[in-house]
Amino acid sequence: MWIEGPYIAVHLRLEKDVWMRSGCATGLGEQLDGIIRRERESHPDLQTRKMKNVTNAVRRAAGMCPLNAGEIARLLKGLGAPRDARVYVAGGEPFGGARALDGLREEFPNLMSKLGLAREGELAPYVDKASVFAAIDYVVSLSSDVLVTSHGGNMGRALEGHRAYIGHRKYIKPNKRMMFPVLDDPSISDEEFSHVMKKLHKKCQGQPEQRTNKVDRDVLAYPVPECMCKNM
């Protein structure tokens, strides 16, 4: 990717199991949402007892739902990404197939993935090896000029910390709790939306942060340099 110039990497978490565990609506219509609801009901162990009766609206208000492709597209556009930006999509097979990415592709047609980068047949030996595909996504995302994640996860935290460790490369962690009310407001203009997005994420772009004594800070996302191996 980098040979052809700057690019944005987006780590989307739109896989079926993510929607099942999150308890959120996919935004892909009643038919697909119905499939997720039925699957969720048949696998009650995927959610904690406390969260089983929490509605999609409440989860969105709390910032607990993944951003779908259309919402990521609006965020990128609001933050100033040009339409001709090259966007690499990392992540597993999205629930809903290619349709799930339509919202992103419509705004950013220069969409790429590991399958598009590889030569014909090059990835065939690894079709059943998800860890290899994840490793490719990791390397390409790490090398991007800007990285945006949609819903946390171990890979997102590892990339956040790795990018901080190698020089605080730009990493945008969406402020979903504050974003969703704006995303859901049909009356807001594009200009106002852009202003709000830039203001919300001004301090959420991977800048150096003052170290705190917070005990819940994951060492993957917030590396401690003096505790890291410098020679292998």
Protein backbone atom coordinates (compact mmCIF):
# COMPACT_ATOMS: atom_id res chain seq x y z
CA MET A 1 0.00 0.00 0.00
CA TRP A 2 2.62 2.55 1.05
CA ILE A 3 4.50 2.28 -2.28
CA GLU A 4 1.61 4.04 -4.01
CA GLY A 5 1.34 6.83 -1.46
CA PRO A 6 -0.47 7.77 1.77
CA TYR A 7 -3.47 5.76 2.90
CA ILE A 8 -5.97 5.40 5.73
CA ALA A 9 -6.51 2.04 7.44
CA VAL A 10 -9.91 1.30 8.95
CA HIS A 11 -10.30 -1.64 11.32
CA LEU A 12 -13.95 -2.59 10.94
CA ARG A 13 -15.54 -5.06 13.33
CA LEU A 14 -18.65 -6.03 11.40
CA GLU A 15 -18.43 -9.81 11.70
CA LYS A 16 -21.53 -11.79 12.63
CA ASP A 17 -20.24 -12.75 16.07
CA VAL A 18 -19.48 -9.10 16.90
CA TRP A 19 -23.07 -8.11 16.19
CA MET A 20 -24.34 -11.07 18.19
CA ARG A 21 -22.23 -10.21 21.22
CA SER A 22 -22.76 -6.45 21.08
CA GLY A 23 -26.56 -6.65 21.22
CA CYS A 24 -26.76 -3.87 18.63
CA ALA A 25 -28.61 -3.47 15.34
CA THR A 26 -26.53 -3.78 12.17
CA GLY A 27 -28.12 -0.90 10.28
CA LEU A 28 -28.54 -3.22 7.27
CA GLY A 29 -32.30 -3.56 7.45
CA GLU A 30 -34.89 -5.60 9.31
CA GLN A 31 -34.13 -8.89 7.54
CA LEU A 32 -30.47 -9.03 8.57
CA ASP A 33 -31.21 -7.58 12.01
CA GLY A 34 -33.77 -10.37 12.43
CA ILE A 35 -31.13 -13.00 11.66
CA ILE A 36 -28.87 -11.53 14.33
CA ARG A 37 -31.70 -11.40 16.89
CA ARG A 38 -32.57 -15.07 16.33
CA GLU A 39 -28.93 -16.14 16.51
CA ARG A 40 -28.51 -14.11 19.68
CA GLU A 41 -31.54 -15.76 21.26
CA SER A 42 -30.18 -19.21 20.42
CA HIS A 43 -26.81 -18.38 22.03
CA PRO A 44 -27.71 -16.70 25.34
CA ASP A 45 -24.22 -17.40 26.68
CA LEU A 46 -22.79 -14.69 24.40
CA GLN A 47 -24.12 -11.90 26.62
CA THR A 48 -23.95 -11.29 30.34
CA ARG A 49 -27.18 -11.48 32.31
CA LYS A 50 -26.91 -7.78 33.11
CA MET A 51 -26.86 -6.80 29.43
CA LYS A 52 -29.41 -9.20 27.94
CA ASN A 53 -32.39 -6.88 28.34
CA VAL A 54 -30.63 -3.67 27.35
CA THR A 55 -32.05 -2.25 24.12
CA ASN A 56 -30.11 -1.20 21.05
CA ALA A 57 -31.02 2.45 21.72
CA VAL A 58 -29.58 2.31 25.23
CA ARG A 59 -26.42 0.60 24.01
CA ARG A 60 -25.92 3.21 21.28
CA ALA A 61 -26.45 6.03 23.77
CA ALA A 62 -23.71 4.49 25.92
CA GLY A 63 -21.32 4.21 22.95
CA MET A 64 -21.33 0.41 23.14
CA CYS A 65 -22.24 -0.34 19.50
CA PRO A 66 -19.79 -0.81 16.62
CA LEU A 67 -19.71 1.89 13.98
CA ASN A 68 -20.97 0.45 10.71
CA ALA A 69 -19.36 1.24 7.35
CA GLY A 70 -21.64 4.19 6.62
CA GLU A 71 -20.94 5.75 10.01
CA ILE A 72 -17.19 5.32 9.56
CA ALA A 73 -17.51 6.99 6.15
CA ARG A 74 -19.31 9.97 7.68
CA LEU A 75 -16.64 10.24 10.37
CA LEU A 76 -13.78 10.19 7.85
CA LYS A 77 -15.54 12.73 5.66
CA GLY A 78 -16.30 14.91 8.68
CA LEU A 79 -12.66 14.84 9.74
CA GLY A 80 -11.61 16.06 6.31
CA ALA A 81 -10.61 12.93 4.40
CA PRO A 82 -10.88 13.62 0.63
CA ARG A 83 -13.06 11.43 -1.56
CA ASP A 84 -10.00 10.14 -3.46
CA ALA A 85 -8.30 8.95 -0.26
CA ARG A 86 -7.03 5.38 -0.39
CA VAL A 87 -8.74 3.38 2.36
CA TYR A 88 -7.59 -0.06 3.48
CA VAL A 89 -10.27 -2.11 5.22
CA ALA A 90 -8.97 -4.50 7.89
CA GLY A 91 -11.13 -7.11 9.58
CA GLY A 92 -12.95 -10.37 8.97
CA GLU A 93 -15.80 -11.07 6.56
CA PRO A 94 -18.52 -8.52 7.35
CA PHE A 95 -21.99 -9.80 8.10
CA GLY A 96 -24.06 -8.96 5.05
CA GLY A 97 -21.15 -9.45 2.65
CA ALA A 98 -20.13 -6.72 0.21
CA ARG A 99 -23.37 -4.86 0.91
CA ALA A 100 -22.15 -4.14 4.45
CA LEU A 101 -19.36 -1.97 2.99
CA ASP A 102 -21.55 -0.01 0.56
CA GLY A 103 -21.78 3.03 2.83
CA LEU A 104 -17.98 3.32 2.93
CA ARG A 105 -17.43 2.49 -0.74
CA GLU A 106 -19.92 5.13 -1.91
CA GLU A 107 -17.97 7.90 -0.16
CA PHE A 108 -14.47 6.47 -0.68
CA PRO A 109 -14.34 4.44 -3.91
CA ASN A 110 -10.59 3.72 -3.57
CA LEU A 111 -11.31 0.91 -1.12
CA MET A 112 -8.72 -1.83 -0.68
CA SER A 113 -8.40 -5.06 1.31
CA LYS A 114 -5.84 -7.83 1.68
CA LEU A 115 -7.61 -9.79 -1.05
CA GLY A 116 -7.21 -6.90 -3.48
CA LEU A 117 -3.54 -6.40 -2.67
CA ALA A 118 -2.50 -10.03 -3.13
CA ARG A 119 -1.65 -11.60 -6.48
CA GLU A 120 -4.04 -14.19 -7.87
CA GLY A 121 -3.83 -17.38 -5.82
CA GLU A 122 -1.27 -15.92 -3.40
CA LEU A 123 -3.55 -16.23 -0.37
CA ALA A 124 -5.10 -19.57 -1.34
CA PRO A 125 -2.94 -21.61 1.10
CA TYR A 126 -4.17 -19.46 3.99
CA VAL A 127 -7.92 -19.42 3.34
CA ASP A 128 -8.61 -21.42 6.51
CA LYS A 129 -5.96 -19.66 8.60
CA ALA A 130 -7.62 -16.60 10.08
CA SER A 131 -4.50 -15.71 12.07
CA VAL A 132 -2.51 -15.24 8.86
CA PHE A 133 -5.15 -12.90 7.44
CA ALA A 134 -5.22 -11.00 10.74
CA ALA A 135 -1.42 -10.67 10.63
CA ILE A 136 -1.60 -9.13 7.15
CA ASP A 137 -4.24 -6.67 8.35
CA TYR A 138 -2.05 -5.82 11.34
CA VAL A 139 1.07 -5.06 9.29
CA VAL A 140 -0.79 -2.97 6.70
CA SER A 141 -2.71 -1.08 9.41
CA LEU A 142 0.46 -0.43 11.41
CA SER A 143 2.11 1.15 8.36
CA SER A 144 -0.84 3.41 7.49
CA ASP A 145 -0.69 7.20 7.73
CA VAL A 146 -3.92 7.21 9.75
CA LEU A 147 -5.64 4.34 11.55
CA VAL A 148 -9.30 4.40 12.59
CA THR A 149 -10.95 1.67 14.64
CA SER A 150 -14.69 1.01 14.86
CA HIS A 151 -15.11 -1.05 18.02
CA GLY A 152 -11.99 -1.70 20.09
CA GLY A 153 -10.91 -5.33 20.48
CA ASN A 154 -7.50 -6.89 21.10
CA MET A 155 -6.14 -6.03 17.66
CA GLY A 156 -7.27 -2.42 17.96
CA ARG A 157 -5.62 -2.06 21.38
CA ALA A 158 -2.41 -3.70 20.17
CA LEU A 159 -2.25 -1.37 17.17
CA GLU A 160 -2.96 1.65 19.37
CA GLY A 161 -0.04 0.79 21.62
CA HIS A 162 2.30 -0.23 18.80
CA ARG A 163 1.69 3.01 16.93
CA ALA A 164 2.32 4.96 20.13
CA TYR A 165 5.52 3.02 20.76
CA ILE A 166 6.97 3.76 17.30
CA GLY A 167 6.33 7.49 17.44
CA HIS A 168 2.67 8.25 18.16
CA ARG A 169 1.47 7.68 14.62
CA LYS A 170 -1.99 9.08 14.01
CA TYR A 171 -4.65 6.84 15.53
CA ILE A 172 -8.29 7.89 15.76
CA LYS A 173 -10.41 6.22 18.41
CA PRO A 174 -14.01 7.33 17.73
CA ASN A 175 -15.84 8.93 20.63
CA LYS A 176 -18.95 6.86 19.97
CA ARG A 177 -20.93 7.95 23.00
CA MET A 178 -20.78 11.57 21.85
CA MET A 179 -20.97 10.73 18.14
CA PHE A 180 -24.17 8.71 17.98
CA PRO A 181 -26.58 11.56 18.88
CA VAL A 182 -25.02 13.65 16.10
CA LEU A 183 -25.06 10.77 13.61
CA ASP A 184 -28.73 10.16 14.37
CA ASP A 185 -29.73 13.82 13.92
CA PRO A 186 -31.05 14.28 10.35
CA SER A 187 -31.27 18.06 10.74
CA ILE A 188 -27.54 18.69 11.17
CA SER A 189 -25.72 20.12 8.14
CA ASP A 190 -22.53 18.61 6.72
CA GLU A 191 -20.61 21.72 7.78
CA GLU A 192 -21.86 21.52 11.36
CA PHE A 193 -21.28 17.76 11.47
CA SER A 194 -17.68 18.25 10.36
CA HIS A 195 -17.14 20.93 13.01
CA VAL A 196 -18.49 18.64 15.75
CA MET A 197 -16.41 15.63 14.62
CA LYS A 198 -13.20 17.65 14.54
CA LYS A 199 -13.91 19.09 17.97
CA LEU A 200 -14.79 15.68 19.46
CA HIS A 201 -11.64 14.02 18.16
CA LYS A 202 -9.13 16.83 18.54
CA LYS A 203 -7.50 15.03 21.49
CA CYS A 204 -8.24 11.47 20.32
CA GLN A 205 -5.65 11.09 17.57
CA GLY A 206 -2.87 9.15 19.22
CA GLN A 207 -1.05 12.15 20.68
CA PRO A 208 1.35 11.60 23.59
CA GLU A 209 -0.51 11.50 26.90
CA GLN A 210 0.62 12.25 30.42
CA ARG A 211 1.03 8.96 32.25
CA THR A 212 -1.50 8.37 35.01
CA ASN A 213 -1.91 5.88 37.84
CA LYS A 214 -5.07 4.38 36.37
CA VAL A 215 -4.95 0.67 37.13
CA ASP A 216 -7.28 -0.30 34.26
CA ARG A 217 -4.98 0.92 31.50
CA ASP A 218 -4.08 -1.95 29.19
CA VAL A 219 -0.32 -2.16 28.61
CA LEU A 220 -1.06 -3.14 24.99
CA ALA A 221 -2.84 0.15 24.30
CA TYR A 222 -0.70 2.24 26.66
CA PRO A 223 2.86 0.86 26.46
CA VAL A 224 5.36 1.56 29.22
CA PRO A 225 8.69 2.05 27.39
CA GLU A 226 10.96 1.12 30.29
CA CYS A 227 9.17 -2.23 30.60
CA MET A 228 9.43 -3.14 26.92
CA CYS A 229 12.10 -5.30 25.31
CA LYS A 230 14.52 -3.19 23.31
CA ASN A 231 16.62 -6.04 21.96
CA MET A 232 15.39 -9.39 20.74
